[in-house]
N, C-alpha and C. Protein backbone atom coordinates (compact mmCIF):
# COMPACT_ATOMS: atom_id res chain seq x y z
N MET A 1 110.41 99.64 123.87
CA MET A 1 108.85 100.17 124.20
C MET A 1 108.57 99.38 125.24
N GLY A 2 107.94 100.20 125.93
CA GLY A 2 107.28 99.66 127.36
C GLY A 2 106.01 98.87 127.05
N ALA A 3 105.48 98.52 128.17
CA ALA A 3 104.25 97.75 127.96
C ALA A 3 102.98 98.29 127.61
N THR A 4 103.07 99.69 127.96
CA THR A 4 101.98 100.52 127.88
C THR A 4 101.78 100.54 126.12
N PRO A 5 102.80 101.04 125.72
CA PRO A 5 102.69 101.26 124.05
C PRO A 5 102.52 99.96 123.25
N ALA A 6 103.28 99.08 124.10
CA ALA A 6 103.06 97.66 123.27
C ALA A 6 101.57 96.98 123.24
N GLY A 7 101.06 97.44 124.55
CA GLY A 7 99.58 97.09 124.80
C GLY A 7 98.70 97.52 123.81
N LEU A 8 98.84 99.06 124.01
CA LEU A 8 97.83 99.77 122.77
C LEU A 8 98.14 99.23 121.43
N GLY A 9 99.36 98.69 121.08
CA GLY A 9 99.61 98.16 119.78
C GLY A 9 98.70 97.05 119.60
N LEU A 10 98.55 96.20 120.72
CA LEU A 10 97.54 94.91 120.61
C LEU A 10 96.45 95.06 120.46
N SER A 11 95.93 96.21 121.20
CA SER A 11 94.60 96.75 121.23
C SER A 11 94.35 97.31 119.84
N ALA A 12 95.07 98.03 119.34
CA ALA A 12 94.91 98.44 118.02
C ALA A 12 94.86 97.49 116.96
N GLY A 13 95.52 96.27 117.04
CA GLY A 13 95.19 95.06 116.28
C GLY A 13 93.94 94.35 116.29
N ALA A 14 93.41 94.41 117.75
CA ALA A 14 92.24 93.84 117.98
C ALA A 14 90.94 94.55 117.27
N ILE A 15 91.03 96.15 117.61
CA ILE A 15 90.03 97.02 117.00
C ILE A 15 89.93 96.83 115.69
N THR A 16 91.02 96.71 114.98
CA THR A 16 90.92 97.06 113.62
C THR A 16 90.56 95.52 112.97
N TRP A 17 90.88 94.44 113.69
CA TRP A 17 90.18 93.06 113.27
C TRP A 17 88.67 93.61 113.32
N VAL A 18 88.16 94.12 114.29
CA VAL A 18 86.84 94.29 114.26
C VAL A 18 86.10 95.17 113.27
N VAL A 19 86.97 95.94 112.89
CA VAL A 19 86.65 96.99 111.97
C VAL A 19 86.51 96.20 110.55
N GLY A 20 87.90 95.69 110.15
CA GLY A 20 87.93 94.59 109.14
C GLY A 20 86.67 93.74 109.04
N ALA A 21 86.37 93.31 110.13
CA ALA A 21 85.13 92.16 110.01
C ALA A 21 83.73 92.81 109.54
N GLY A 22 83.75 94.10 110.16
CA GLY A 22 82.70 95.07 109.85
C GLY A 22 82.40 95.56 108.30
N LEU A 23 83.65 95.65 108.06
CA LEU A 23 83.99 96.31 106.54
C LEU A 23 83.48 95.11 105.62
N GLN A 24 84.00 94.08 105.88
CA GLN A 24 83.79 92.81 104.94
C GLN A 24 82.51 92.23 105.06
N ALA A 25 81.65 92.53 106.02
CA ALA A 25 80.05 92.30 106.26
C ALA A 25 79.42 93.17 105.50
N GLN A 26 79.75 94.44 105.38
CA GLN A 26 79.07 95.37 104.58
C GLN A 26 79.46 95.30 102.93
N ARG A 27 80.69 94.85 102.94
CA ARG A 27 81.18 94.50 101.32
C ARG A 27 80.46 93.10 100.90
N ASP A 28 80.28 92.25 101.98
CA ASP A 28 79.89 91.11 101.33
C ASP A 28 78.28 91.29 101.03
N ASN A 29 77.43 91.55 102.40
CA ASN A 29 76.26 91.50 102.13
C ASN A 29 75.60 90.46 101.25
N GLY A 30 76.02 89.22 101.31
CA GLY A 30 75.13 88.21 100.64
C GLY A 30 75.94 87.78 99.08
N LYS A 31 76.89 89.05 98.57
CA LYS A 31 77.22 88.70 97.22
C LYS A 31 78.35 87.51 97.18
N ASN A 32 78.40 86.30 96.62
CA ASN A 32 79.11 85.47 96.90
C ASN A 32 80.59 85.66 96.04
N GLY A 33 80.57 86.38 95.04
CA GLY A 33 81.63 86.77 94.35
C GLY A 33 82.85 87.51 95.10
N THR A 34 82.35 88.24 96.04
CA THR A 34 83.16 88.93 96.50
C THR A 34 84.16 88.55 97.72
N ARG A 35 83.70 87.10 98.25
CA ARG A 35 84.43 86.37 99.26
C ARG A 35 85.87 86.03 99.05
N THR A 36 85.81 85.69 97.56
CA THR A 36 87.14 85.04 97.19
C THR A 36 88.06 86.33 97.10
N ALA A 37 87.61 87.37 96.66
CA ALA A 37 88.30 88.77 96.58
C ALA A 37 88.66 89.19 97.81
N SER A 38 87.86 89.24 98.68
CA SER A 38 87.89 89.56 100.12
C SER A 38 88.90 89.00 100.84
N THR A 39 88.98 87.52 100.64
CA THR A 39 89.94 86.61 101.23
C THR A 39 91.50 87.24 100.77
N VAL A 40 91.58 87.35 99.38
CA VAL A 40 92.83 87.63 98.89
C VAL A 40 93.33 89.12 99.25
N LEU A 41 92.29 89.95 99.52
CA LEU A 41 92.69 91.52 99.90
C LEU A 41 93.02 91.22 101.26
N GLY A 42 92.33 90.20 102.34
CA GLY A 42 92.66 90.10 103.72
C GLY A 42 94.26 89.80 103.83
N PHE A 43 94.54 88.84 102.87
CA PHE A 43 95.91 88.28 103.24
C PHE A 43 97.01 89.49 102.63
N ALA A 44 96.57 90.00 101.69
CA ALA A 44 97.44 91.21 101.08
C ALA A 44 97.57 92.31 102.14
N VAL A 45 96.42 92.75 102.77
CA VAL A 45 96.65 93.83 104.03
C VAL A 45 97.44 93.25 105.14
N LEU A 46 97.11 91.81 105.51
CA LEU A 46 98.20 91.38 106.53
C LEU A 46 99.37 91.48 106.04
N LEU A 47 99.64 90.97 104.73
CA LEU A 47 101.14 91.02 104.34
C LEU A 47 101.81 92.50 104.62
N ALA A 48 101.08 93.49 104.19
CA ALA A 48 101.31 94.91 104.46
C ALA A 48 101.94 95.04 105.76
N GLY A 49 100.91 94.74 106.86
CA GLY A 49 101.02 94.96 108.00
C GLY A 49 102.31 94.35 108.90
N VAL A 50 102.59 93.17 108.29
CA VAL A 50 103.42 92.06 108.53
C VAL A 50 105.27 93.04 107.99
N ALA A 51 104.86 93.32 106.82
CA ALA A 51 106.03 94.20 106.15
C ALA A 51 106.21 95.47 107.01
N LEU A 52 105.61 96.12 107.42
CA LEU A 52 105.58 97.33 107.99
C LEU A 52 106.30 97.02 109.49
N ILE A 53 105.82 95.97 110.28
CA ILE A 53 106.14 95.82 111.31
C ILE A 53 107.91 95.09 111.28
N ALA A 54 108.04 94.49 110.24
CA ALA A 54 109.16 93.93 110.07
C ALA A 54 110.39 95.09 109.55
N LEU A 55 109.85 96.10 108.91
CA LEU A 55 110.57 97.12 108.58
C LEU A 55 111.30 97.78 109.69
N THR A 56 110.13 98.00 110.58
CA THR A 56 110.37 98.90 111.86
C THR A 56 111.27 98.01 112.91
N ILE A 57 110.99 96.74 112.96
CA ILE A 57 111.86 96.16 114.00
C ILE A 57 113.37 95.94 113.54
N LEU A 58 113.26 95.60 112.48
CA LEU A 58 114.54 95.09 111.72
C LEU A 58 115.50 95.81 111.17
N THR A 59 115.03 97.16 111.02
CA THR A 59 115.99 98.31 110.47
C THR A 59 115.71 99.50 111.82
N SER A 60 116.68 100.48 111.37
CA SER A 60 116.45 101.85 112.25
C SER A 60 115.92 102.78 111.48
N ALA A 61 115.17 102.49 110.16
CA ALA A 61 114.66 103.56 109.35
C ALA A 61 113.45 104.01 109.69
N LEU A 62 112.70 103.41 110.66
CA LEU A 62 111.47 103.89 111.03
C LEU A 62 111.41 103.91 112.66
N PRO A 63 110.71 105.07 113.21
CA PRO A 63 110.37 104.81 114.49
C PRO A 63 109.88 103.72 115.12
N SER A 64 109.78 103.28 116.41
CA SER A 64 109.26 102.23 116.92
C SER A 64 107.75 102.31 117.00
N TRP A 65 107.13 103.21 117.02
CA TRP A 65 105.77 103.50 117.17
C TRP A 65 104.91 102.98 115.85
N ILE A 66 106.01 102.99 114.59
CA ILE A 66 105.26 102.61 113.39
C ILE A 66 105.03 100.92 113.23
N ALA A 67 105.72 100.37 114.42
CA ALA A 67 105.27 98.93 114.37
C ALA A 67 103.90 98.67 114.94
N LEU A 68 103.39 99.39 115.71
CA LEU A 68 101.94 99.37 116.26
C LEU A 68 101.02 99.81 114.99
N VAL A 69 101.46 100.81 114.20
CA VAL A 69 100.65 100.73 112.86
C VAL A 69 100.52 99.86 112.17
N GLY A 70 101.82 99.09 112.11
CA GLY A 70 101.95 97.80 111.36
C GLY A 70 100.83 96.60 111.70
N TRP A 71 100.92 96.73 113.28
CA TRP A 71 99.96 95.85 113.93
C TRP A 71 98.33 96.08 113.63
N ALA A 72 98.12 97.26 113.70
CA ALA A 72 96.78 97.72 113.17
C ALA A 72 96.49 97.22 111.98
N VAL A 73 97.30 97.39 111.00
CA VAL A 73 97.08 97.05 109.44
C VAL A 73 96.97 95.53 109.47
N GLY A 74 97.75 94.90 110.07
CA GLY A 74 97.57 93.57 110.17
C GLY A 74 96.27 93.12 110.71
N GLY A 75 95.84 93.66 111.47
CA GLY A 75 94.38 93.18 112.35
C GLY A 75 93.41 93.66 111.33
N LEU A 76 93.55 94.85 110.75
CA LEU A 76 92.54 95.02 109.66
C LEU A 76 92.27 93.98 108.52
N GLY A 77 93.50 93.41 108.02
CA GLY A 77 93.66 92.17 106.98
C GLY A 77 93.15 90.95 107.67
N ARG A 78 93.45 90.74 108.77
CA ARG A 78 92.86 89.46 109.55
C ARG A 78 91.27 89.61 109.50
N GLY A 79 90.84 90.72 110.00
CA GLY A 79 89.23 90.87 110.06
C GLY A 79 88.66 90.69 108.75
N ILE A 80 89.03 91.20 107.60
CA ILE A 80 88.71 91.06 106.27
C ILE A 80 88.43 89.42 105.90
N GLY A 81 89.92 89.02 105.86
CA GLY A 81 90.00 87.70 105.22
C GLY A 81 89.82 86.66 106.09
N PHE A 82 89.84 86.69 107.28
CA PHE A 82 89.37 85.63 108.38
C PHE A 82 87.65 85.37 108.09
N ASN A 83 86.96 86.47 107.99
CA ASN A 83 85.55 86.46 107.93
C ASN A 83 85.20 86.10 106.62
N ALA A 84 85.60 86.46 105.66
CA ALA A 84 85.12 86.09 104.19
C ALA A 84 85.70 84.56 104.08
N SER A 85 86.64 84.03 104.39
CA SER A 85 87.07 82.73 104.08
C SER A 85 86.00 81.85 104.83
N THR A 86 85.92 82.21 106.18
CA THR A 86 84.67 81.34 106.79
C THR A 86 83.84 81.45 106.32
N THR A 87 83.01 82.34 106.02
CA THR A 87 81.81 82.53 105.33
C THR A 87 81.76 81.63 104.12
N ALA A 88 82.70 81.72 103.25
CA ALA A 88 82.76 81.17 101.86
C ALA A 88 82.83 79.56 102.28
N THR A 89 83.76 79.17 103.13
CA THR A 89 83.91 77.85 103.43
C THR A 89 82.63 77.18 104.04
N LEU A 90 82.07 78.13 104.98
CA LEU A 90 80.54 77.35 105.54
C LEU A 90 79.30 77.31 104.50
N GLU A 91 79.34 78.08 103.74
CA GLU A 91 78.59 78.29 102.41
C GLU A 91 78.56 77.08 101.57
N GLN A 92 80.02 76.65 101.64
CA GLN A 92 80.08 75.55 100.45
C GLN A 92 79.78 73.99 101.31
N ALA A 93 79.51 74.16 102.56
CA ALA A 93 79.20 72.75 103.03
C ALA A 93 77.61 72.66 103.36
N PRO A 94 77.29 71.47 102.92
CA PRO A 94 75.90 71.15 102.93
C PRO A 94 75.50 71.62 104.34
N PRO A 95 73.92 72.05 104.24
CA PRO A 95 73.47 72.27 105.70
C PRO A 95 73.52 71.09 106.88
N GLU A 96 73.70 69.96 106.43
CA GLU A 96 73.80 69.14 107.36
C GLU A 96 75.11 68.98 107.97
N ARG A 97 76.23 69.48 107.22
CA ARG A 97 77.58 69.30 107.61
C ARG A 97 77.99 70.64 108.17
N GLN A 98 77.23 71.91 108.44
CA GLN A 98 77.84 73.14 108.56
C GLN A 98 78.41 73.09 110.15
N GLY A 99 77.66 72.64 111.12
CA GLY A 99 78.16 72.40 112.27
C GLY A 99 79.48 71.57 112.57
N GLU A 100 79.66 70.39 111.86
CA GLU A 100 80.73 69.86 111.64
C GLU A 100 81.96 70.66 111.25
N ASP A 101 81.80 71.27 110.21
CA ASP A 101 82.72 72.12 109.32
C ASP A 101 83.15 73.15 110.06
N SER A 102 82.14 73.94 110.99
CA SER A 102 82.41 74.90 111.93
C SER A 102 83.47 74.79 112.83
N GLY A 103 83.02 73.52 113.36
CA GLY A 103 84.05 73.30 114.59
C GLY A 103 85.56 72.75 113.63
N ALA A 104 85.48 72.06 112.42
CA ALA A 104 86.78 71.84 112.01
C ALA A 104 87.50 73.17 111.84
N LEU A 105 86.75 74.15 111.42
CA LEU A 105 87.48 75.38 111.04
C LEU A 105 88.00 76.01 112.21
N GLN A 106 87.30 76.01 113.19
CA GLN A 106 87.92 76.52 114.51
C GLN A 106 88.97 75.92 115.06
N LEU A 107 89.18 74.55 115.05
CA LEU A 107 90.04 73.67 115.38
C LEU A 107 91.24 73.92 114.46
N ALA A 108 91.20 74.08 113.05
CA ALA A 108 92.24 74.31 112.34
C ALA A 108 93.05 75.52 112.42
N GLN A 109 92.04 76.57 112.83
CA GLN A 109 92.47 78.10 113.08
C GLN A 109 93.32 78.36 114.42
N THR A 110 92.57 77.51 115.30
CA THR A 110 93.25 77.41 116.59
C THR A 110 94.73 76.97 116.72
N LEU A 111 94.84 75.63 115.94
CA LEU A 111 95.91 74.75 115.64
C LEU A 111 96.96 75.47 114.97
N ALA A 112 96.75 76.29 113.91
CA ALA A 112 97.55 76.89 113.10
C ALA A 112 98.30 78.14 113.84
N THR A 113 97.27 78.91 114.57
CA THR A 113 97.71 79.95 115.43
C THR A 113 98.86 79.45 116.46
N GLY A 114 98.65 78.28 117.16
CA GLY A 114 99.47 77.62 118.08
C GLY A 114 100.62 77.38 117.59
N VAL A 115 100.61 76.59 116.35
CA VAL A 115 101.84 75.95 115.68
C VAL A 115 102.73 77.22 115.27
N ILE A 116 102.16 78.23 114.64
CA ILE A 116 102.92 79.49 114.27
C ILE A 116 103.57 80.25 115.27
N ALA A 117 102.80 80.42 116.49
CA ALA A 117 103.40 81.03 117.47
C ALA A 117 104.36 80.47 118.33
N GLY A 118 104.29 78.95 118.15
CA GLY A 118 105.27 77.97 118.86
C GLY A 118 106.46 78.10 117.65
N LEU A 119 106.34 78.00 116.66
CA LEU A 119 107.61 78.07 115.67
C LEU A 119 108.41 79.32 115.82
N GLY A 120 107.41 80.36 116.26
CA GLY A 120 108.17 81.95 116.21
C GLY A 120 108.88 81.78 117.52
N GLY A 121 108.53 81.23 118.62
CA GLY A 121 108.98 81.18 119.79
C GLY A 121 110.25 80.29 119.98
N ALA A 122 109.96 79.25 119.29
CA ALA A 122 111.37 78.20 119.07
C ALA A 122 112.40 78.89 118.32
N ALA A 123 112.03 79.69 117.27
CA ALA A 123 113.09 80.22 116.52
C ALA A 123 114.06 81.27 117.53
N ILE A 124 113.01 81.95 118.26
CA ILE A 124 113.91 82.91 118.95
C ILE A 124 114.73 82.35 120.09
N ALA A 125 114.20 81.44 120.71
CA ALA A 125 114.72 80.51 121.82
C ALA A 125 116.06 79.99 121.25
N PHE A 126 115.91 79.27 120.17
CA PHE A 126 116.93 78.81 119.48
C PHE A 126 118.09 79.67 119.10
N ALA A 127 117.79 80.82 118.64
CA ALA A 127 118.85 81.78 118.12
C ALA A 127 119.45 82.14 119.72
N GLN A 128 118.82 82.58 120.60
CA GLN A 128 119.48 82.93 121.83
C GLN A 128 120.15 82.07 122.48
N ASN A 129 119.85 80.60 122.15
CA ASN A 129 120.76 79.39 122.95
C ASN A 129 121.88 78.93 122.12
N HIS A 130 121.95 79.29 120.93
CA HIS A 130 122.85 78.87 119.98
C HIS A 130 123.66 79.90 119.27
N GLY A 131 123.66 81.12 119.95
CA GLY A 131 124.83 82.17 119.48
C GLY A 131 124.17 83.05 118.16
N GLY A 132 122.98 82.76 117.85
CA GLY A 132 122.23 83.66 116.92
C GLY A 132 121.68 84.94 117.45
N SER A 133 121.27 85.93 116.63
CA SER A 133 120.73 87.04 117.17
C SER A 133 119.18 86.83 117.23
N THR A 134 118.54 87.60 117.88
CA THR A 134 117.18 87.86 117.83
C THR A 134 116.59 88.28 116.78
N ARG A 135 117.24 89.28 116.28
CA ARG A 135 117.00 89.90 114.74
C ARG A 135 116.91 88.87 113.74
N THR A 136 117.73 87.95 113.70
CA THR A 136 117.67 86.84 112.60
C THR A 136 116.39 86.05 112.97
N ALA A 137 116.50 85.67 114.10
CA ALA A 137 115.18 84.98 114.31
C ALA A 137 113.78 85.62 114.01
N LEU A 138 113.66 86.74 114.31
CA LEU A 138 112.64 87.59 113.89
C LEU A 138 112.65 87.60 112.44
N LEU A 139 113.71 87.73 111.55
CA LEU A 139 113.61 87.97 110.33
C LEU A 139 113.05 86.62 109.81
N GLY A 140 113.52 85.34 110.30
CA GLY A 140 112.42 84.31 109.83
C GLY A 140 111.09 84.07 110.15
N VAL A 141 110.84 84.52 111.35
CA VAL A 141 109.59 84.68 111.77
C VAL A 141 108.57 85.35 110.75
N PHE A 142 109.11 86.78 110.37
CA PHE A 142 108.47 87.58 109.43
C PHE A 142 108.41 86.80 108.08
N VAL A 143 109.50 86.29 107.42
CA VAL A 143 109.36 85.84 106.44
C VAL A 143 108.38 84.62 106.15
N LEU A 144 108.59 83.64 107.11
CA LEU A 144 107.31 82.71 107.47
C LEU A 144 106.16 83.12 107.12
N THR A 145 105.86 84.33 108.09
CA THR A 145 104.66 84.94 108.16
C THR A 145 104.12 85.37 106.68
N GLY A 146 105.19 86.12 106.27
CA GLY A 146 104.79 86.69 104.71
C GLY A 146 104.60 85.71 103.72
N LEU A 147 105.53 84.34 103.65
CA LEU A 147 105.36 83.49 102.89
C LEU A 147 103.60 82.53 102.97
N LEU A 148 103.29 82.86 104.47
CA LEU A 148 101.83 82.00 104.53
C LEU A 148 100.76 82.94 104.06
N ALA A 149 101.21 84.32 104.14
CA ALA A 149 99.93 85.34 103.34
C ALA A 149 100.13 85.22 102.11
N VAL A 150 101.27 85.04 101.40
CA VAL A 150 101.13 84.86 100.05
C VAL A 150 100.56 83.54 99.74
N ALA A 151 100.65 82.50 100.42
CA ALA A 151 100.14 81.14 100.02
C ALA A 151 98.71 81.44 100.15
N GLY A 152 98.21 82.12 101.35
CA GLY A 152 97.03 82.30 101.52
C GLY A 152 96.15 83.11 100.16
N MET A 153 96.77 83.90 99.82
CA MET A 153 96.40 84.73 98.44
C MET A 153 96.15 83.99 97.43
N LEU A 154 97.07 82.83 97.21
CA LEU A 154 97.12 82.01 96.01
C LEU A 154 96.01 80.92 96.31
N ILE A 155 95.98 80.39 97.38
CA ILE A 155 95.06 79.47 97.71
C ILE A 155 93.60 80.06 97.81
N ALA A 156 93.40 81.14 98.13
CA ALA A 156 92.11 81.85 98.24
C ALA A 156 91.24 81.78 96.90
N ARG A 157 92.15 81.73 95.92
CA ARG A 157 91.43 81.70 94.57
C ARG A 157 90.80 80.32 94.23
N ARG A 158 90.94 79.48 95.18
CA ARG A 158 90.05 78.14 94.75
C ARG A 158 88.79 78.29 95.33
N LEU A 159 88.44 79.53 96.35
CA LEU A 159 87.04 79.46 96.77
C LEU A 159 86.01 79.66 95.55
N ARG A 160 84.85 78.92 95.79
CA ARG A 160 84.05 79.00 94.74
C ARG A 160 83.09 79.92 94.78
N PRO A 161 82.98 80.91 94.01
CA PRO A 161 82.06 82.28 94.23
C PRO A 161 80.71 81.54 94.31
N GLU A 162 80.10 80.66 93.48
CA GLU A 162 78.85 79.84 93.66
C GLU A 162 78.60 79.10 94.78
N ALA A 163 79.17 79.22 95.59
CA ALA A 163 79.31 78.34 96.98
C ALA A 163 77.65 78.53 97.48
N ALA A 164 76.89 79.60 97.47
CA ALA A 164 75.50 79.40 97.92
C ALA A 164 74.59 78.56 97.09
N GLN A 165 75.02 78.49 95.88
CA GLN A 165 74.17 77.40 95.04
C GLN A 165 74.30 75.95 95.24
N LEU A 166 75.51 75.71 96.22
CA LEU A 166 75.71 74.25 96.25
C LEU A 166 74.81 73.72 97.47
N GLY A 167 74.72 74.50 98.37
CA GLY A 167 73.92 74.13 99.64
C GLY A 167 72.64 73.47 99.43
């Protein structure tokens, strides 16, 4: 796949992230009970996108452009889950700690993105330098991403729906 189609895939993921955030904002509308369900839904949609990308890249069963659709699906999941979990977390923080907790969330999210991207790059570099295949390295990356999405769905259930009453 060339640079233009790959760039379109990244753009699709960014646009659907915004769409997911907008859908979550409409769904949420101040209702605390939806945030846990939306966080779980976001991780589930993200998992579906990762699975679609993995099937496209690791098999020849689907045309390569389907990976771009998977990227868009993943972006939608991130938009839904990211905003729901952030809102729920900040609602559970006392007002005097919301700034501190907001900074901690941003740091954790950025650090997690960097660590996971680094692990993916390291897996590919390791495979290429030690006789492994890129396909095997990507399989490992997709499995890790899928496991993290499943863990997110399980952990999201710890979000308290009564969050607004705590502040």
